Protein backbone atom coordinates (compact mmCIF):
# COMPACT_ATOMS: atom_id res chain seq x y z
CA MET A 1 77.79 49.51 60.52
CA GLU A 2 74.43 48.66 62.12
CA ASN A 3 74.18 45.48 60.08
CA ASN A 4 77.55 44.35 61.51
CA ILE A 5 76.25 44.17 65.09
CA ASN A 6 77.26 40.80 66.52
CA ALA A 7 77.50 41.52 70.26
CA HIS A 8 75.61 43.36 72.97
CA CYS A 9 77.20 45.18 75.90
CA LYS A 10 76.73 43.40 79.23
CA ILE A 11 76.36 46.79 80.93
CA CYS A 12 74.09 48.90 78.72
CA GLY A 13 72.76 46.35 76.23
CA LYS A 14 73.85 48.43 73.23
CA GLY A 15 74.68 46.43 70.11
CA TYR A 16 78.17 46.78 68.65
CA HIS A 17 80.57 45.01 66.32
CA VAL A 18 83.33 42.83 67.75
CA CYS A 19 86.01 41.28 65.56
CA ALA A 20 86.15 37.52 65.11
CA SER A 21 89.59 37.27 66.72
CA CYS A 22 88.22 38.74 69.97
CA LEU A 23 85.34 36.27 69.95
CA ALA A 24 87.67 33.33 69.27
CA GLN A 25 89.97 33.90 72.29
CA LYS A 26 89.89 30.86 74.58
CA GLY A 27 92.32 31.75 77.39
CA PHE A 28 90.87 35.12 78.31
CA GLN A 29 88.00 37.31 77.28
CA PRO A 30 89.08 40.63 75.76
CA TRP A 31 86.99 43.58 76.89
CA ARG A 32 85.49 43.96 73.40
CA ALA A 33 83.93 40.51 73.72
CA VAL A 34 82.05 41.63 76.85
CA THR A 35 81.32 45.35 76.56
CA ASP A 36 81.23 48.17 74.05
CA THR A 37 83.67 50.46 75.89
CA MET A 38 86.65 50.09 78.22
CA ASN A 39 84.77 52.02 80.92
CA HIS A 40 81.85 49.59 80.75
CA TYR A 41 84.38 46.76 81.10
CA LYS A 42 85.69 48.37 84.32
CA ILE A 43 82.11 48.49 85.62
CA TYR A 44 81.60 44.88 84.55
CA MET A 45 84.76 43.78 86.37
CA SER A 46 83.76 45.70 89.52
CA ILE A 47 80.37 43.98 89.62
CA HIS A 48 81.89 40.61 88.75
CA GLY A 49 84.38 40.97 91.61
CA TYR A 50 81.54 41.81 93.99
CA THR A 51 79.58 38.78 92.80
CA LEU A 52 82.51 36.52 93.65
CA SER A 53 83.69 38.12 96.90
CA HIS A 54 80.61 39.93 98.26
CA ASP A 55 83.06 42.63 99.32
CA SER A 56 80.91 45.71 98.86
CA LYS A 57 83.58 48.08 100.18
CA LYS A 58 86.10 46.98 97.54
CA ALA A 59 83.42 47.01 94.82
CA LYS A 60 82.26 50.50 95.84
CA THR A 61 85.84 51.79 95.65
CA ALA A 62 86.22 50.23 92.20
CA LEU A 63 82.93 51.72 90.98
CA GLU A 64 83.86 55.16 92.33
CA ASN A 65 86.77 55.05 89.88
CA CYS A 66 84.43 54.36 86.95
CA ASP A 67 82.40 56.79 84.88
CA LEU A 68 78.83 55.93 85.85
CA SER A 69 77.27 58.52 83.56
CA GLY A 70 74.44 56.97 81.62
CA LEU A 71 73.46 54.79 84.60
CA GLU A 72 69.82 55.35 83.73
CA ASN A 73 70.44 53.52 80.43
CA PHE A 74 72.20 50.49 81.94
CA ARG A 75 70.53 47.10 81.93
CA PRO A 76 68.12 46.85 84.91
CA GLU A 77 70.12 44.15 86.72
CA ILE A 78 73.34 46.16 86.34
CA LYS A 79 71.68 49.33 87.62
CA SER A 80 70.30 47.40 90.59
CA ALA A 81 73.69 45.85 91.41
CA ILE A 82 75.39 49.26 91.30
CA GLN A 83 72.74 50.81 93.53
CA THR A 84 73.10 47.93 96.02
CA ILE A 85 76.88 48.22 96.12
CA MET A 86 76.89 52.00 96.44
CA THR A 87 74.38 52.00 99.33
CA GLU A 88 75.81 49.15 101.42
CA HIS A 89 78.48 51.39 102.99
């Protein structure tokens, strides 16, 4: 399946295969078009919400409900954003 990699997770950078129908969606972006797992999508949405609102309390609560195991393997900018959010309150 390695040769079928056509996307990279916005959280960890891992390559994965996403189906063409997910990539072709115009109205919304299915989680598979953004991340390799549903949990990484929850992390992505938490950080995205923080980027828009700058509400670190809400973002921290959202991240506390995510599985952050593997944080050391996340993309550097994601790791930094999580550390910022988690230490602001």
